């Protein structure tokens, strides 16, 4: 699964429209191989994002579970703990743009 696509079902508060759209955009980017589509592909790309978002909303709305809703803050803390184990707990500096100094 793409690292930037997050689980959206069974959270309190529920997933927002922006979260659903962002996940849909990431999914279409992954499928198409385009981070930003060309002008020739822009309409098809945007339509695909809208259709995926609609399907995601429908799916999330129709799923049922007996599990209690998860807490977003708890899930973020778990993800940070996993990252610390994976990367040895070191602080990873964000990538810098541009050339060498």
PDB file of N, CA and C in Angstrom:
ATOM      1  N   UNK A   1       0.844  -1.173   0.000  1.00  0.00           N
ATOM      2  CA  UNK A   1       0.000   0.000   0.000  1.00  0.00           C
ATOM      3  C   UNK A   1       0.889   1.235   0.000  1.00  0.00           C
ATOM      4  N   UNK A   2       0.423   2.258  -0.639  1.00  0.00           N
ATOM      5  CA  UNK A   2       1.154   3.523  -0.665  1.00  0.00           C
ATOM      6  C   UNK A   2       1.253   4.071   0.760  1.00  0.00           C
ATOM      7  N   UNK A   3       2.428   4.510   1.142  1.00  0.00           N
ATOM      8  CA  UNK A   3       2.626   4.995   2.510  1.00  0.00           C
ATOM      9  C   UNK A   3       1.766   6.202   2.833  1.00  0.00           C
ATOM     10  N   UNK A   4       1.410   6.998   1.836  1.00  0.00           N
ATOM     11  CA  UNK A   4       0.664   8.219   2.093  1.00  0.00           C
ATOM     12  C   UNK A   4      -0.838   8.002   2.182  1.00  0.00           C
ATOM     13  N   UNK A   5      -1.307   6.822   1.862  1.00  0.00           N
ATOM     14  CA  UNK A   5      -2.727   6.532   1.969  1.00  0.00           C
ATOM     15  C   UNK A   5      -2.968   5.935   3.348  1.00  0.00           C
ATOM     16  N   UNK A   6      -3.837   6.574   4.097  1.00  0.00           N
ATOM     17  CA  UNK A   6      -4.112   6.160   5.467  1.00  0.00           C
ATOM     18  C   UNK A   6      -5.456   5.447   5.544  1.00  0.00           C
ATOM     19  N   UNK A   7      -5.600   4.590   6.545  1.00  0.00           N
ATOM     20  CA  UNK A   7      -6.887   3.967   6.815  1.00  0.00           C
ATOM     21  C   UNK A   7      -7.864   5.055   7.228  1.00  0.00           C
ATOM     22  N   UNK A   8      -9.058   5.037   6.644  1.00  0.00           N
ATOM     23  CA  UNK A   8     -10.038   6.080   6.914  1.00  0.00           C
ATOM     24  C   UNK A   8     -11.276   5.567   7.638  1.00  0.00           C
ATOM     25  N   UNK A   9     -11.443   4.263   7.709  1.00  0.00           N
ATOM     26  CA  UNK A   9     -12.641   3.683   8.305  1.00  0.00           C
ATOM     27  C   UNK A   9     -12.477   3.486   9.807  1.00  0.00           C
ATOM     28  N   UNK A  10     -13.570   3.704  10.518  1.00  0.00           N
ATOM     29  CA  UNK A  10     -13.696   3.417  11.946  1.00  0.00           C
ATOM     30  C   UNK A  10     -12.787   4.285  12.815  1.00  0.00           C
ATOM     31  N   UNK A  11     -12.826   5.574  12.550  1.00  0.00           N
ATOM     32  CA  UNK A  11     -12.107   6.533  13.387  1.00  0.00           C
ATOM     33  C   UNK A  11     -13.088   7.504  14.007  1.00  0.00           C
ATOM     34  N   UNK A  12     -12.722   8.011  15.149  1.00  0.00           N
ATOM     35  CA  UNK A  12     -13.484   9.065  15.798  1.00  0.00           C
ATOM     36  C   UNK A  12     -12.559  10.247  15.974  1.00  0.00           C
ATOM     37  N   UNK A  13     -12.812  11.381  15.380  1.00  0.00           N
ATOM     38  CA  UNK A  13     -13.933  11.683  14.486  1.00  0.00           C
ATOM     39  C   UNK A  13     -13.769  10.992  13.134  1.00  0.00           C
ATOM     40  N   UNK A  14     -14.878  10.848  12.397  1.00  0.00           N
ATOM     41  CA  UNK A  14     -14.826  10.168  11.094  1.00  0.00           C
ATOM     42  C   UNK A  14     -13.946  10.915  10.093  1.00  0.00           C
ATOM     43  N   UNK A  15     -13.577  10.209   9.048  1.00  0.00           N
ATOM     44  CA  UNK A  15     -12.751  10.805   7.991  1.00  0.00           C
ATOM     45  C   UNK A  15     -13.466  12.009   7.384  1.00  0.00           C
ATOM     46  N   UNK A  16     -12.699  13.037   7.103  1.00  0.00           N
ATOM     47  CA  UNK A  16     -13.255  14.239   6.489  1.00  0.00           C
ATOM     48  C   UNK A  16     -13.242  14.099   4.970  1.00  0.00           C
ATOM     49  N   UNK A  17     -13.967  14.979   4.307  1.00  0.00           N
ATOM     50  CA  UNK A  17     -13.966  15.001   2.842  1.00  0.00           C
ATOM     51  C   UNK A  17     -12.552  15.231   2.311  1.00  0.00           C
ATOM     52  N   UNK A  18     -11.800  16.093   2.980  1.00  0.00           N
ATOM     53  CA  UNK A  18     -10.430  16.376   2.548  1.00  0.00           C
ATOM     54  C   UNK A  18      -9.553  15.126   2.658  1.00  0.00           C
ATOM     55  N   UNK A  19      -9.689  14.372   3.738  1.00  0.00           N
ATOM     56  CA  UNK A  19      -8.907  13.140   3.891  1.00  0.00           C
ATOM     57  C   UNK A  19      -9.260  12.123   2.813  1.00  0.00           C
ATOM     58  N   UNK A  20     -10.548  12.012   2.499  1.00  0.00           N
ATOM     59  CA  UNK A  20     -10.983  11.085   1.451  1.00  0.00           C
ATOM     60  C   UNK A  20     -10.442  11.532   0.104  1.00  0.00           C
ATOM     61  N   UNK A  21     -10.514  12.832  -0.184  1.00  0.00           N
ATOM     62  CA  UNK A  21     -10.010  13.338  -1.456  1.00  0.00           C
ATOM     63  C   UNK A  21      -8.499  13.155  -1.560  1.00  0.00           C
ATOM     64  N   UNK A  22      -7.779  13.442  -0.475  1.00  0.00           N
ATOM     65  CA  UNK A  22      -6.318  13.282  -0.486  1.00  0.00           C
ATOM     66  C   UNK A  22      -5.913  11.829  -0.735  1.00  0.00           C
ATOM     67  N   UNK A  23      -6.618  10.891  -0.099  1.00  0.00           N
ATOM     68  CA  UNK A  23      -6.324   9.475  -0.317  1.00  0.00           C
ATOM     69  C   UNK A  23      -6.633   9.080  -1.757  1.00  0.00           C
ATOM     70  N   UNK A  24      -7.717   9.618  -2.297  1.00  0.00           N
ATOM     71  CA  UNK A  24      -8.096   9.330  -3.686  1.00  0.00           C
ATOM     72  C   UNK A  24      -7.058   9.884  -4.648  1.00  0.00           C
ATOM     73  N   UNK A  25      -6.582  11.076  -4.378  1.00  0.00           N
ATOM     74  CA  UNK A  25      -5.551  11.692  -5.211  1.00  0.00           C
ATOM     75  C   UNK A  25      -4.277  10.850  -5.191  1.00  0.00           C
ATOM     76  N   UNK A  26      -3.859  10.400  -4.019  1.00  0.00           N
ATOM     77  CA  UNK A  26      -2.661   9.562  -3.917  1.00  0.00           C
ATOM     78  C   UNK A  26      -2.831   8.257  -4.682  1.00  0.00           C
ATOM     79  N   UNK A  27      -4.026   7.676  -4.597  1.00  0.00           N
ATOM     80  CA  UNK A  27      -4.303   6.422  -5.290  1.00  0.00           C
ATOM     81  C   UNK A  27      -4.210   6.610  -6.804  1.00  0.00           C
ATOM     82  N   UNK A  28      -4.820   7.676  -7.314  1.00  0.00           N
ATOM     83  CA  UNK A  28      -4.782   7.942  -8.758  1.00  0.00           C
ATOM     84  C   UNK A  28      -3.359   8.275  -9.199  1.00  0.00           C
ATOM     85  N   UNK A  29      -2.624   9.012  -8.389  1.00  0.00           N
ATOM     86  CA  UNK A  29      -1.218   9.288  -8.713  1.00  0.00           C
ATOM     87  C   UNK A  29      -0.422   7.998  -8.828  1.00  0.00           C
ATOM     88  N   UNK A  30      -0.644   7.085  -7.894  1.00  0.00           N
ATOM     89  CA  UNK A  30       0.079   5.816  -7.895  1.00  0.00           C
ATOM     90  C   UNK A  30      -0.275   5.002  -9.137  1.00  0.00           C
ATOM     91  N   UNK A  31      -1.562   4.918  -9.457  1.00  0.00           N
ATOM     92  CA  UNK A  31      -1.995   4.144 -10.618  1.00  0.00           C
ATOM     93  C   UNK A  31      -1.483   4.725 -11.927  1.00  0.00           C
ATOM     94  N   UNK A  32      -1.543   6.047 -12.045  1.00  0.00           N
ATOM     95  CA  UNK A  32      -1.192   6.694 -13.308  1.00  0.00           C
ATOM     96  C   UNK A  32       0.306   6.899 -13.472  1.00  0.00           C
ATOM     97  N   UNK A  33       1.020   6.990 -12.362  1.00  0.00           N
ATOM     98  CA  UNK A  33       2.440   7.290 -12.433  1.00  0.00           C
ATOM     99  C   UNK A  33       2.717   8.776 -12.572  1.00  0.00           C
ATOM    100  N   UNK A  34       1.676   9.596 -12.470  1.00  0.00           N
ATOM    101  CA  UNK A  34       1.822  11.051 -12.587  1.00  0.00           C
ATOM    102  C   UNK A  34       1.647  11.702 -11.223  1.00  0.00           C
ATOM    103  N   UNK A  35       2.597  12.514 -10.817  1.00  0.00           N
ATOM    104  CA  UNK A  35       2.391  13.346  -9.634  1.00  0.00           C
ATOM    105  C   UNK A  35       1.491  14.513 -10.015  1.00  0.00           C
ATOM    106  N   UNK A  36       1.748  15.055 -11.198  1.00  0.00           N
ATOM    107  CA  UNK A  36       0.929  16.119 -11.777  1.00  0.00           C
ATOM    108  C   UNK A  36       0.705  15.741 -13.234  1.00  0.00           C
ATOM    109  N   UNK A  37      -0.553  15.604 -13.658  1.00  0.00           N
ATOM    110  CA  UNK A  37      -0.798  15.196 -15.038  1.00  0.00           C
ATOM    111  C   UNK A  37      -0.520  16.326 -16.023  1.00  0.00           C
ATOM    112  N   UNK A  38      -0.260  15.947 -17.256  1.00  0.00           N
ATOM    113  CA  UNK A  38      -0.103  16.939 -18.319  1.00  0.00           C
ATOM    114  C   UNK A  38      -1.468  17.553 -18.612  1.00  0.00           C
ATOM    115  N   UNK A  39      -1.478  18.655 -19.335  1.00  0.00           N
ATOM    116  CA  UNK A  39      -2.744  19.300 -19.716  1.00  0.00           C
ATOM    117  C   UNK A  39      -3.624  18.326 -20.488  1.00  0.00           C
ATOM    118  N   UNK A  40      -3.010  17.492 -21.318  1.00  0.00           N
ATOM    119  CA  UNK A  40      -3.768  16.531 -22.121  1.00  0.00           C
ATOM    120  C   UNK A  40      -4.460  15.485 -21.248  1.00  0.00           C
ATOM    121  N   UNK A  41      -3.881  15.172 -20.101  1.00  0.00           N
ATOM    122  CA  UNK A  41      -4.434  14.141 -19.219  1.00  0.00           C
ATOM    123  C   UNK A  41      -5.162  14.701 -17.999  1.00  0.00           C
ATOM    124  N   UNK A  42      -5.155  16.011 -17.850  1.00  0.00           N
ATOM    125  CA  UNK A  42      -5.693  16.629 -16.640  1.00  0.00           C
ATOM    126  C   UNK A  42      -7.169  16.311 -16.404  1.00  0.00           C
ATOM    127  N   UNK A  43      -7.994  16.380 -17.431  1.00  0.00           N
ATOM    128  CA  UNK A  43      -9.431  16.124 -17.267  1.00  0.00           C
ATOM    129  C   UNK A  43      -9.683  14.679 -16.836  1.00  0.00           C
ATOM    130  N   UNK A  44      -9.017  13.737 -17.485  1.00  0.00           N
ATOM    131  CA  UNK A  44      -9.187  12.322 -17.134  1.00  0.00           C
ATOM    132  C   UNK A  44      -8.689  12.060 -15.715  1.00  0.00           C
ATOM    133  N   UNK A  45      -7.572  12.672 -15.354  1.00  0.00           N
ATOM    134  CA  UNK A  45      -6.985  12.514 -14.020  1.00  0.00           C
ATOM    135  C   UNK A  45      -7.950  13.042 -12.958  1.00  0.00           C
ATOM    136  N   UNK A  46      -8.460  14.264 -13.156  1.00  0.00           N
ATOM    137  CA  UNK A  46      -9.378  14.868 -12.188  1.00  0.00           C
ATOM    138  C   UNK A  46     -10.669  14.066 -12.060  1.00  0.00           C
ATOM    139  N   UNK A  47     -11.173  13.573 -13.187  1.00  0.00           N
ATOM    140  CA  UNK A  47     -12.385  12.754 -13.153  1.00  0.00           C
ATOM    141  C   UNK A  47     -12.140  11.458 -12.372  1.00  0.00           C
ATOM    142  N   UNK A  48     -10.975  10.869 -12.567  1.00  0.00           N
ATOM    143  CA  UNK A  48     -10.636   9.643 -11.841  1.00  0.00           C
ATOM    144  C   UNK A  48     -10.574   9.906 -10.339  1.00  0.00           C
ATOM    145  N   UNK A  49      -9.988  11.026  -9.940  1.00  0.00           N
ATOM    146  CA  UNK A  49      -9.915  11.369  -8.513  1.00  0.00           C
ATOM    147  C   UNK A  49     -11.324  11.501  -7.944  1.00  0.00           C
ATOM    148  N   UNK A  50     -12.217  12.168  -8.679  1.00  0.00           N
ATOM    149  CA  UNK A  50     -13.595  12.339  -8.210  1.00  0.00           C
ATOM    150  C   UNK A  50     -14.315  11.000  -8.080  1.00  0.00           C
ATOM    151  N   UNK A  51     -14.126  10.121  -9.063  1.00  0.00           N
ATOM    152  CA  UNK A  51     -14.792   8.816  -9.026  1.00  0.00           C
ATOM    153  C   UNK A  51     -14.252   7.938  -7.901  1.00  0.00           C
ATOM    154  N   UNK A  52     -12.950   7.965  -7.693  1.00  0.00           N
ATOM    155  CA  UNK A  52     -12.358   7.183  -6.599  1.00  0.00           C
ATOM    156  C   UNK A  52     -12.845   7.721  -5.255  1.00  0.00           C
ATOM    157  N   UNK A  53     -12.922   9.040  -5.114  1.00  0.00           N
ATOM    158  CA  UNK A  53     -13.407   9.633  -3.865  1.00  0.00           C
ATOM    159  C   UNK A  53     -14.859   9.238  -3.612  1.00  0.00           C
ATOM    160  N   UNK A  54     -15.686   9.244  -4.656  1.00  0.00           N
ATOM    161  CA  UNK A  54     -17.089   8.842  -4.505  1.00  0.00           C
ATOM    162  C   UNK A  54     -17.186   7.376  -4.082  1.00  0.00           C
ATOM    163  N   UNK A  55     -16.380   6.527  -4.703  1.00  0.00           N
ATOM    164  CA  UNK A  55     -16.380   5.106  -4.341  1.00  0.00           C
ATOM    165  C   UNK A  55     -15.899   4.917  -2.904  1.00  0.00           C
ATOM    166  N   UNK A  56     -14.899   5.690  -2.492  1.00  0.00           N
ATOM    167  CA  UNK A  56     -14.377   5.593  -1.124  1.00  0.00           C
ATOM    168  C   UNK A  56     -15.438   6.020  -0.112  1.00  0.00           C
ATOM    169  N   UNK A  57     -16.136   7.131  -0.403  1.00  0.00           N
ATOM    170  CA  UNK A  57     -17.205   7.581   0.497  1.00  0.00           C
ATOM    171  C   UNK A  57     -18.282   6.508   0.633  1.00  0.00           C
ATOM    172  N   UNK A  58     -18.667   5.919  -0.506  1.00  0.00           N
ATOM    173  CA  UNK A  58     -19.689   4.871  -0.495  1.00  0.00           C
ATOM    174  C   UNK A  58     -19.213   3.663   0.315  1.00  0.00           C
ATOM    175  N   UNK A  59     -17.977   3.263   0.102  1.00  0.00           N
ATOM    176  CA  UNK A  59     -17.426   2.121   0.834  1.00  0.00           C
ATOM    177  C   UNK A  59     -17.394   2.393   2.331  1.00  0.00           C
ATOM    178  N   UNK A  60     -16.838   3.526   2.727  1.00  0.00           N
ATOM    179  CA  UNK A  60     -16.728   3.864   4.151  1.00  0.00           C
ATOM    180  C   UNK A  60     -18.111   3.925   4.791  1.00  0.00           C
ATOM    181  N   UNK A  61     -19.081   4.468   4.046  1.00  0.00           N
ATOM    182  CA  UNK A  61     -20.442   4.569   4.569  1.00  0.00           C
ATOM    183  C   UNK A  61     -21.156   3.242   4.700  1.00  0.00           C
ATOM    184  N   UNK A  62     -20.746   2.247   3.936  1.00  0.00           N
ATOM    185  CA  UNK A  62     -21.445   0.962   3.956  1.00  0.00           C
ATOM    186  C   UNK A  62     -20.765  -0.095   4.827  1.00  0.00           C
ATOM    187  N   UNK A  63     -19.537   0.143   5.250  1.00  0.00           N
ATOM    188  CA  UNK A  63     -18.835  -0.832   6.085  1.00  0.00           C
ATOM    189  C   UNK A  63     -19.418  -0.857   7.497  1.00  0.00           C
ATOM    190  N   UNK A  64     -19.416  -2.039   8.100  1.00  0.00           N
ATOM    191  CA  UNK A  64     -19.878  -2.181   9.483  1.00  0.00           C
ATOM    192  C   UNK A  64     -18.793  -2.880  10.292  1.00  0.00           C
ATOM    193  N   UNK A  65     -18.756  -2.565  11.558  1.00  0.00           N
ATOM    194  CA  UNK A  65     -17.804  -3.209  12.463  1.00  0.00           C
ATOM    195  C   UNK A  65     -18.381  -3.200  13.863  1.00  0.00           C
ATOM    196  N   UNK A  66     -17.932  -4.144  14.659  1.00  0.00           N
ATOM    197  CA  UNK A  66     -18.311  -4.178  16.070  1.00  0.00           C
ATOM    198  C   UNK A  66     -17.182  -3.629  16.937  1.00  0.00           C
ATOM    199  N   UNK A  67     -16.065  -3.316  16.312  1.00  0.00           N
ATOM    200  CA  UNK A  67     -14.922  -2.766  17.041  1.00  0.00           C
ATOM    201  C   UNK A  67     -15.193  -1.305  17.396  1.00  0.00           C
ATOM    202  N   UNK A  68     -14.706  -0.875  18.538  1.00  0.00           N
ATOM    203  CA  UNK A  68     -14.877   0.542  18.885  1.00  0.00           C
ATOM    204  C   UNK A  68     -14.049   1.411  17.941  1.00  0.00           C
ATOM    205  N   UNK A  69     -14.507   2.642  17.688  1.00  0.00           N
ATOM    206  CA  UNK A  69     -13.739   3.533  16.809  1.00  0.00           C
ATOM    207  C   UNK A  69     -12.340   3.778  17.369  1.00  0.00           C
ATOM    208  N   UNK A  70     -11.381   3.869  16.459  1.00  0.00           N
ATOM    209  CA  UNK A  70      -9.999   4.136  16.862  1.00  0.00           C
ATOM    210  C   UNK A  70      -9.803   5.638  17.051  1.00  0.00           C
ATOM    211  N   UNK A  71      -8.839   5.956  17.887  1.00  0.00           N
ATOM    212  CA  UNK A  71      -8.507   7.348  18.160  1.00  0.00           C
ATOM    213  C   UNK A  71      -7.325   7.747  17.289  1.00  0.00           C
ATOM    214  N   UNK A  72      -7.461   8.847  16.577  1.00  0.00           N
ATOM    215  CA  UNK A  72      -6.404   9.286  15.656  1.00  0.00           C
ATOM    216  C   UNK A  72      -5.088   9.569  16.374  1.00  0.00           C
ATOM    217  N   UNK A  73      -5.167  10.199  17.535  1.00  0.00           N
ATOM    218  CA  UNK A  73      -3.940  10.520  18.280  1.00  0.00           C
ATOM    219  C   UNK A  73      -3.202   9.252  18.708  1.00  0.00           C
ATOM    220  N   UNK A  74      -3.967   8.241  19.126  1.00  0.00           N
ATOM    221  CA  UNK A  74      -3.341   6.969  19.511  1.00  0.00           C
ATOM    222  C   UNK A  74      -2.659   6.317  18.314  1.00  0.00           C
ATOM    223  N   UNK A  75      -3.307   6.367  17.157  1.00  0.00           N
ATOM    224  CA  UNK A  75      -2.738   5.763  15.948  1.00  0.00           C
ATOM    225  C   UNK A  75      -1.473   6.493  15.503  1.00  0.00           C
ATOM    226  N   UNK A  76      -1.454   7.823  15.652  1.00  0.00           N
ATOM    227  CA  UNK A  76      -0.256   8.602  15.316  1.00  0.00           C
ATOM    228  C   UNK A  76       0.894   8.210  16.246  1.00  0.00           C
ATOM    229  N   UNK A  77       0.599   8.053  17.535  1.00  0.00           N
ATOM    230  CA  UNK A  77       1.638   7.657  18.495  1.00  0.00           C
ATOM    231  C   UNK A  77       2.192   6.275  18.159  1.00  0.00           C
ATOM    232  N   UNK A  78       1.314   5.346  17.777  1.00  0.00           N
ATOM    233  CA  UNK A  78       1.768   4.005  17.385  1.00  0.00           C
ATOM    234  C   UNK A  78       2.652   4.069  16.142  1.00  0.00           C
ATOM    235  N   UNK A  79       2.262   4.889  15.177  1.00  0.00           N
ATOM    236  CA  UNK A  79       3.055   5.026  13.948  1.00  0.00           C
ATOM    237  C   UNK A  79       4.428   5.606  14.252  1.00  0.00           C
ATOM    238  N   UNK A  80       4.488   6.578  15.150  1.00  0.00           N
ATOM    239  CA  UNK A  80       5.784   7.158  15.525  1.00  0.00           C
ATOM    240  C   UNK A  80       6.666   6.126  16.224  1.00  0.00           C
ATOM    241  N   UNK A  81       6.053   5.303  17.059  1.00  0.00           N
ATOM    242  CA  UNK A  81       6.822   4.259  17.747  1.00  0.00           C
ATOM    243  C   UNK A  81       7.365   3.245  16.739  1.00  0.00           C
ATOM    244  N   UNK A  82       6.542   2.869  15.751  1.00  0.00           N
ATOM    245  CA  UNK A  82       7.017   1.942  14.711  1.00  0.00           C
ATOM    246  C   UNK A  82       8.152   2.565  13.916  1.00  0.00           C
ATOM    247  N   UNK A  83       8.030   3.849  13.598  1.00  0.00           N
ATOM    248  CA  UNK A  83       9.082   4.534  12.841  1.00  0.00           C
ATOM    249  C   UNK A  83      10.376   4.596  13.648  1.00  0.00           C
ATOM    250  N   UNK A  84      10.262   4.826  14.951  1.00  0.00           N
ATOM    251  CA  UNK A  84      11.459   4.871  15.797  1.00  0.00           C
ATOM    252  C   UNK A  84      12.163   3.521  15.801  1.00  0.00           C
ATOM    253  N   UNK A  85      11.395   2.441  15.846  1.00  0.00           N
ATOM    254  CA  UNK A  85      11.996   1.103  15.785  1.00  0.00           C
ATOM    255  C   UNK A  85      12.633   0.854  14.421  1.00  0.00           C
ATOM    256  N   UNK A  86      11.928   1.237  13.379  1.00  0.00           N
ATOM    257  CA  UNK A  86      12.405   0.993  12.017  1.00  0.00           C
ATOM    258  C   UNK A  86      13.666   1.790  11.710  1.00  0.00           C
ATOM    259  N   UNK A  87      13.688   3.040  12.140  1.00  0.00           N
ATOM    260  CA  UNK A  87      14.804   3.918  11.799  1.00  0.00           C
ATOM    261  C   UNK A  87      15.767   4.124  12.958  1.00  0.00           C
ATOM    262  N   UNK A  88      15.657   3.332  13.980  1.00  0.00           N
ATOM    263  CA  UNK A  88      16.597   3.390  15.087  1.00  0.00           C
ATOM    264  C   UNK A  88      16.420   4.572  16.008  1.00  0.00           C
ATOM    265  N   UNK A  89      15.271   5.216  15.972  1.00  0.00           N
ATOM    266  CA  UNK A  89      15.009   6.317  16.874  1.00  0.00           C
ATOM    267  C   UNK A  89      15.753   7.591  16.553  1.00  0.00           C
ATOM    268  N   UNK A  90      16.459   7.600  15.423  1.00  0.00           N
ATOM    269  CA  UNK A  90      17.198   8.817  15.071  1.00  0.00           C
ATOM    270  C   UNK A  90      16.245   9.826  14.439  1.00  0.00           C
ATOM    271  N   UNK A  91      16.589  11.077  14.599  1.00  0.00           N
ATOM    272  CA  UNK A  91      15.816  12.127  13.947  1.00  0.00           C
ATOM    273  C   UNK A  91      16.237  12.181  12.497  1.00  0.00           C
ATOM    274  N   UNK A  92      15.276  12.108  11.619  1.00  0.00           N
ATOM    275  CA  UNK A  92      15.568  12.155  10.192  1.00  0.00           C
ATOM    276  C   UNK A  92      15.280  13.567   9.714  1.00  0.00           C
ATOM    277  N   UNK A  93      16.307  14.235   9.218  1.00  0.00           N
ATOM    278  CA  UNK A  93      16.137  15.603   8.729  1.00  0.00           C
ATOM    279  C   UNK A  93      15.361  15.572   7.425  1.00  0.00           C
ATOM    280  N   UNK A  94      14.483  16.551   7.200  1.00  0.00           N
ATOM    281  CA  UNK A  94      13.756  16.596   5.936  1.00  0.00           C
ATOM    282  C   UNK A  94      14.716  16.825   4.776  1.00  0.00           C
ATOM    283  N   UNK A  95      14.352  16.293   3.640  1.00  0.00           N
ATOM    284  CA  UNK A  95      15.190  16.450   2.447  1.00  0.00           C
ATOM    285  C   UNK A  95      15.272  17.920   2.075  1.00  0.00           C
ATOM    286  N   UNK A  96      16.456  18.330   1.672  1.00  0.00           N
ATOM    287  CA  UNK A  96      16.648  19.715   1.259  1.00  0.00           C
ATOM    288  C   UNK A  96      16.597  19.790  -0.249  1.00  0.00           C
ATOM    289  N   UNK A  97      15.993  20.855  -0.751  1.00  0.00           N
ATOM    290  CA  UNK A  97      15.939  21.025  -2.196  1.00  0.00           C
ATOM    291  C   UNK A  97      17.142  21.830  -2.652  1.00  0.00           C
ATOM    292  N   UNK A  98      17.388  21.747  -3.927  1.00  0.00           N
ATOM    293  CA  UNK A  98      18.498  22.520  -4.479  1.00  0.00           C
ATOM    294  C   UNK A  98      19.758  21.704  -4.599  1.00  0.00           C
ATOM    295  N   UNK A  99      20.788  22.369  -5.054  1.00  0.00           N
ATOM    296  CA  UNK A  99      22.073  21.706  -5.277  1.00  0.00           C
ATOM    297  C   UNK A  99      22.936  21.713  -4.047  1.00  0.00           C
ATOM    298  N   UNK A 100      24.179  21.395  -4.254  1.00  0.00           N
ATOM    299  CA  UNK A 100      25.143  21.370  -3.147  1.00  0.00           C
ATOM    300  C   UNK A 100      25.497  22.785  -2.733  1.00  0.00           C
ATOM    301  N   UNK A 101      25.883  22.962  -1.461  1.00  0.00           N
ATOM    302  CA  UNK A 101      26.254  24.315  -0.996  1.00  0.00           C
ATOM    303  C   UNK A 101      27.537  24.805  -1.602  1.00  0.00           C
TER     304      UNK A 101
END
